[in-house]
N, C-alpha and C. Protein backbone atom coordinates (compact mmCIF):
# COMPACT_ATOMS: atom_id res chain seq x y z
N MET A 1 19.33 -14.42 -1.33
CA MET A 1 18.66 -13.19 -1.36
C MET A 1 19.47 -11.99 -1.03
N ILE A 2 19.38 -10.95 -1.80
CA ILE A 2 20.14 -9.70 -1.61
C ILE A 2 19.23 -8.67 -1.00
N ASN A 3 19.61 -8.15 0.12
CA ASN A 3 18.72 -7.22 0.86
C ASN A 3 19.37 -5.77 0.56
N VAL A 4 18.48 -4.85 0.26
CA VAL A 4 18.86 -3.42 -0.05
C VAL A 4 18.17 -2.45 0.86
N ALA A 5 18.92 -1.40 1.24
CA ALA A 5 18.47 -0.29 2.03
C ALA A 5 18.59 0.88 1.19
N ILE A 6 17.55 1.75 1.21
CA ILE A 6 17.60 3.02 0.51
C ILE A 6 17.60 4.19 1.53
N LEU A 7 18.57 5.02 1.44
CA LEU A 7 18.72 6.16 2.33
C LEU A 7 17.98 7.35 1.79
N GLY A 8 16.76 7.57 2.24
CA GLY A 8 15.98 8.70 1.83
C GLY A 8 14.84 8.24 0.86
N TYR A 9 13.68 8.96 1.05
CA TYR A 9 12.50 8.57 0.25
C TYR A 9 12.00 9.77 -0.45
N GLY A 10 12.87 10.69 -0.92
CA GLY A 10 12.58 11.84 -1.57
C GLY A 10 12.46 11.64 -3.09
N THR A 11 12.91 12.56 -3.85
CA THR A 11 12.90 12.42 -5.33
C THR A 11 13.74 11.27 -5.80
N VAL A 12 14.99 11.17 -5.38
CA VAL A 12 15.89 10.06 -5.80
C VAL A 12 15.49 8.79 -5.18
N GLY A 13 15.28 8.65 -3.88
CA GLY A 13 14.97 7.45 -3.24
C GLY A 13 13.66 6.84 -3.83
N SER A 14 12.63 7.56 -3.94
CA SER A 14 11.33 7.11 -4.41
C SER A 14 11.51 6.68 -5.87
N GLY A 15 12.28 7.43 -6.64
CA GLY A 15 12.58 6.96 -8.00
C GLY A 15 13.28 5.63 -8.10
N VAL A 16 14.24 5.44 -7.23
CA VAL A 16 14.90 4.05 -7.19
C VAL A 16 13.87 2.95 -6.82
N VAL A 17 12.99 3.24 -5.89
CA VAL A 17 11.90 2.24 -5.55
C VAL A 17 11.04 2.04 -6.80
N GLU A 18 10.68 3.09 -7.43
CA GLU A 18 9.85 2.86 -8.59
C GLU A 18 10.46 2.08 -9.74
N VAL A 19 11.69 2.35 -9.97
CA VAL A 19 12.50 1.63 -11.11
C VAL A 19 12.57 0.18 -10.70
N PHE A 20 12.84 0.00 -9.36
CA PHE A 20 12.99 -1.41 -8.82
C PHE A 20 11.66 -2.15 -9.02
N ARG A 21 10.57 -1.61 -8.50
CA ARG A 21 9.20 -2.22 -8.66
C ARG A 21 8.82 -2.36 -9.99
N THR A 22 9.11 -1.53 -10.96
CA THR A 22 8.64 -1.64 -12.37
C THR A 22 9.47 -2.77 -12.99
N ASN A 23 10.86 -2.94 -12.64
CA ASN A 23 11.68 -3.82 -13.39
C ASN A 23 12.16 -4.98 -12.53
N HIS A 24 11.44 -5.28 -11.45
CA HIS A 24 11.81 -6.33 -10.49
C HIS A 24 12.24 -7.63 -11.10
N GLU A 25 11.40 -8.17 -12.08
CA GLU A 25 11.74 -9.45 -12.62
C GLU A 25 13.07 -9.42 -13.41
N THR A 26 13.14 -8.39 -14.19
CA THR A 26 14.48 -8.24 -15.01
C THR A 26 15.68 -7.98 -14.20
N ILE A 27 15.46 -7.21 -13.09
CA ILE A 27 16.72 -7.04 -12.24
C ILE A 27 17.08 -8.30 -11.49
N ASN A 28 16.11 -9.02 -11.05
CA ASN A 28 16.39 -10.29 -10.34
C ASN A 28 17.05 -11.39 -11.33
N LYS A 29 16.54 -11.36 -12.53
CA LYS A 29 17.16 -12.29 -13.50
C LYS A 29 18.52 -11.95 -13.87
N ARG A 30 18.85 -10.71 -14.07
CA ARG A 30 20.18 -10.31 -14.29
C ARG A 30 21.14 -10.54 -13.11
N ALA A 31 20.63 -10.31 -11.95
CA ALA A 31 21.42 -10.50 -10.72
C ALA A 31 21.70 -12.00 -10.38
N GLY A 32 20.70 -12.84 -10.81
CA GLY A 32 20.85 -14.17 -10.67
C GLY A 32 20.28 -14.64 -9.30
N GLU A 33 19.68 -13.78 -8.56
CA GLU A 33 19.02 -14.10 -7.32
C GLU A 33 18.03 -12.95 -7.02
N GLU A 34 17.23 -13.29 -5.98
CA GLU A 34 16.23 -12.38 -5.41
C GLU A 34 16.84 -11.10 -4.78
N ILE A 35 16.34 -10.01 -5.21
CA ILE A 35 16.77 -8.67 -4.52
C ILE A 35 15.50 -8.10 -3.93
N LYS A 36 15.66 -7.76 -2.64
CA LYS A 36 14.52 -7.22 -1.88
C LYS A 36 14.92 -6.01 -1.17
N ILE A 37 13.96 -5.01 -1.27
CA ILE A 37 14.20 -3.73 -0.50
C ILE A 37 13.73 -4.10 0.98
N LYS A 38 14.69 -4.00 1.87
CA LYS A 38 14.48 -4.32 3.20
C LYS A 38 14.06 -3.12 3.97
N TYR A 39 14.73 -1.98 3.81
CA TYR A 39 14.47 -0.79 4.58
C TYR A 39 14.61 0.48 3.66
N VAL A 40 13.81 1.49 3.98
CA VAL A 40 13.95 2.77 3.43
C VAL A 40 14.07 3.78 4.66
N LEU A 41 15.15 4.45 4.72
CA LEU A 41 15.48 5.44 5.80
C LEU A 41 14.89 6.70 5.40
N ASP A 42 13.98 7.34 6.37
CA ASP A 42 13.52 8.62 6.15
C ASP A 42 12.96 9.11 7.48
N LEU A 43 12.97 10.48 7.62
CA LEU A 43 12.44 10.91 8.98
C LEU A 43 10.90 11.08 9.01
N ARG A 44 10.38 11.08 7.72
CA ARG A 44 8.88 11.33 7.59
C ARG A 44 8.17 9.89 7.62
N ASP A 45 6.90 9.96 7.82
CA ASP A 45 6.00 8.84 7.69
C ASP A 45 5.31 8.85 6.29
N PHE A 46 5.04 7.73 5.77
CA PHE A 46 4.35 7.70 4.52
C PHE A 46 3.06 6.79 4.51
N PRO A 47 2.04 7.27 5.28
CA PRO A 47 0.86 6.42 5.42
C PRO A 47 0.19 6.08 4.02
N GLY A 48 -0.14 4.81 3.82
CA GLY A 48 -0.75 4.45 2.60
C GLY A 48 0.19 4.20 1.43
N ASP A 49 1.46 4.49 1.54
CA ASP A 49 2.49 4.28 0.59
C ASP A 49 2.88 2.88 0.57
N VAL A 50 3.29 2.23 -0.60
CA VAL A 50 3.66 0.76 -0.78
C VAL A 50 4.82 0.54 0.03
N MET A 51 5.73 1.47 0.39
CA MET A 51 6.87 1.33 1.21
C MET A 51 6.66 1.60 2.71
N GLU A 52 5.46 1.92 3.03
CA GLU A 52 5.08 2.30 4.44
C GLU A 52 5.63 1.36 5.51
N ASP A 53 5.61 0.06 5.31
CA ASP A 53 5.98 -0.91 6.33
C ASP A 53 7.55 -1.06 6.28
N LYS A 54 8.25 -0.50 5.33
CA LYS A 54 9.74 -0.61 5.30
C LYS A 54 10.48 0.61 5.71
N VAL A 55 9.71 1.68 6.04
CA VAL A 55 10.36 2.93 6.40
C VAL A 55 10.77 2.80 7.85
N VAL A 56 12.08 3.22 8.10
CA VAL A 56 12.64 3.30 9.42
C VAL A 56 13.30 4.58 9.57
N LYS A 57 13.36 4.98 10.90
CA LYS A 57 13.94 6.31 11.20
C LYS A 57 15.45 6.23 11.81
N ASP A 58 15.80 5.04 12.11
CA ASP A 58 17.12 4.76 12.74
C ASP A 58 18.13 4.09 11.81
N ILE A 59 19.18 4.91 11.52
CA ILE A 59 20.17 4.37 10.49
C ILE A 59 20.93 3.13 11.10
N ASN A 60 20.95 3.00 12.39
CA ASN A 60 21.64 1.90 12.98
C ASN A 60 20.92 0.57 12.58
N LEU A 61 19.61 0.66 12.33
CA LEU A 61 18.99 -0.59 11.87
C LEU A 61 19.63 -1.09 10.54
N ILE A 62 20.06 -0.20 9.80
CA ILE A 62 20.68 -0.50 8.48
C ILE A 62 22.27 -0.74 8.67
N THR A 63 22.94 0.11 9.24
CA THR A 63 24.45 -0.10 9.40
C THR A 63 24.88 -1.25 10.17
N GLN A 64 23.98 -1.61 11.17
CA GLN A 64 24.50 -2.68 12.08
C GLN A 64 23.86 -4.03 11.67
N ASN A 65 23.10 -4.05 10.52
CA ASN A 65 22.39 -5.33 10.11
C ASN A 65 23.27 -6.08 9.03
N PRO A 66 23.73 -7.17 9.44
CA PRO A 66 24.65 -7.96 8.56
C PRO A 66 23.85 -8.50 7.32
N GLU A 67 22.51 -8.38 7.35
CA GLU A 67 21.66 -9.00 6.27
C GLU A 67 21.64 -7.92 4.98
N ILE A 68 21.94 -6.63 5.35
CA ILE A 68 21.93 -5.71 4.25
C ILE A 68 23.20 -5.73 3.45
N SER A 69 23.13 -6.02 2.09
CA SER A 69 24.16 -6.08 1.25
C SER A 69 24.53 -4.94 0.44
N ILE A 70 23.41 -4.12 0.12
CA ILE A 70 23.64 -2.96 -0.72
C ILE A 70 22.83 -1.80 -0.04
N VAL A 71 23.48 -0.60 0.01
CA VAL A 71 22.87 0.65 0.51
C VAL A 71 22.98 1.62 -0.66
N VAL A 72 21.79 2.18 -0.85
CA VAL A 72 21.59 3.19 -2.09
C VAL A 72 21.33 4.47 -1.49
């Protein structure tokens, strides 16, 4: 499994999430393994959003996590 962290959930970050969610099966097939969005870094809260449980406010959770393979 490849874990991804997205820095920011504004126009670009939310667009990345949308493309990933829409094309999840194709992306995984081309990558040859499961790709999962582990964290989304943002200072704001997003109650009711599909990524609500993945939003973190501390970048150290991303930079110091050896499970994170890709940062966008």
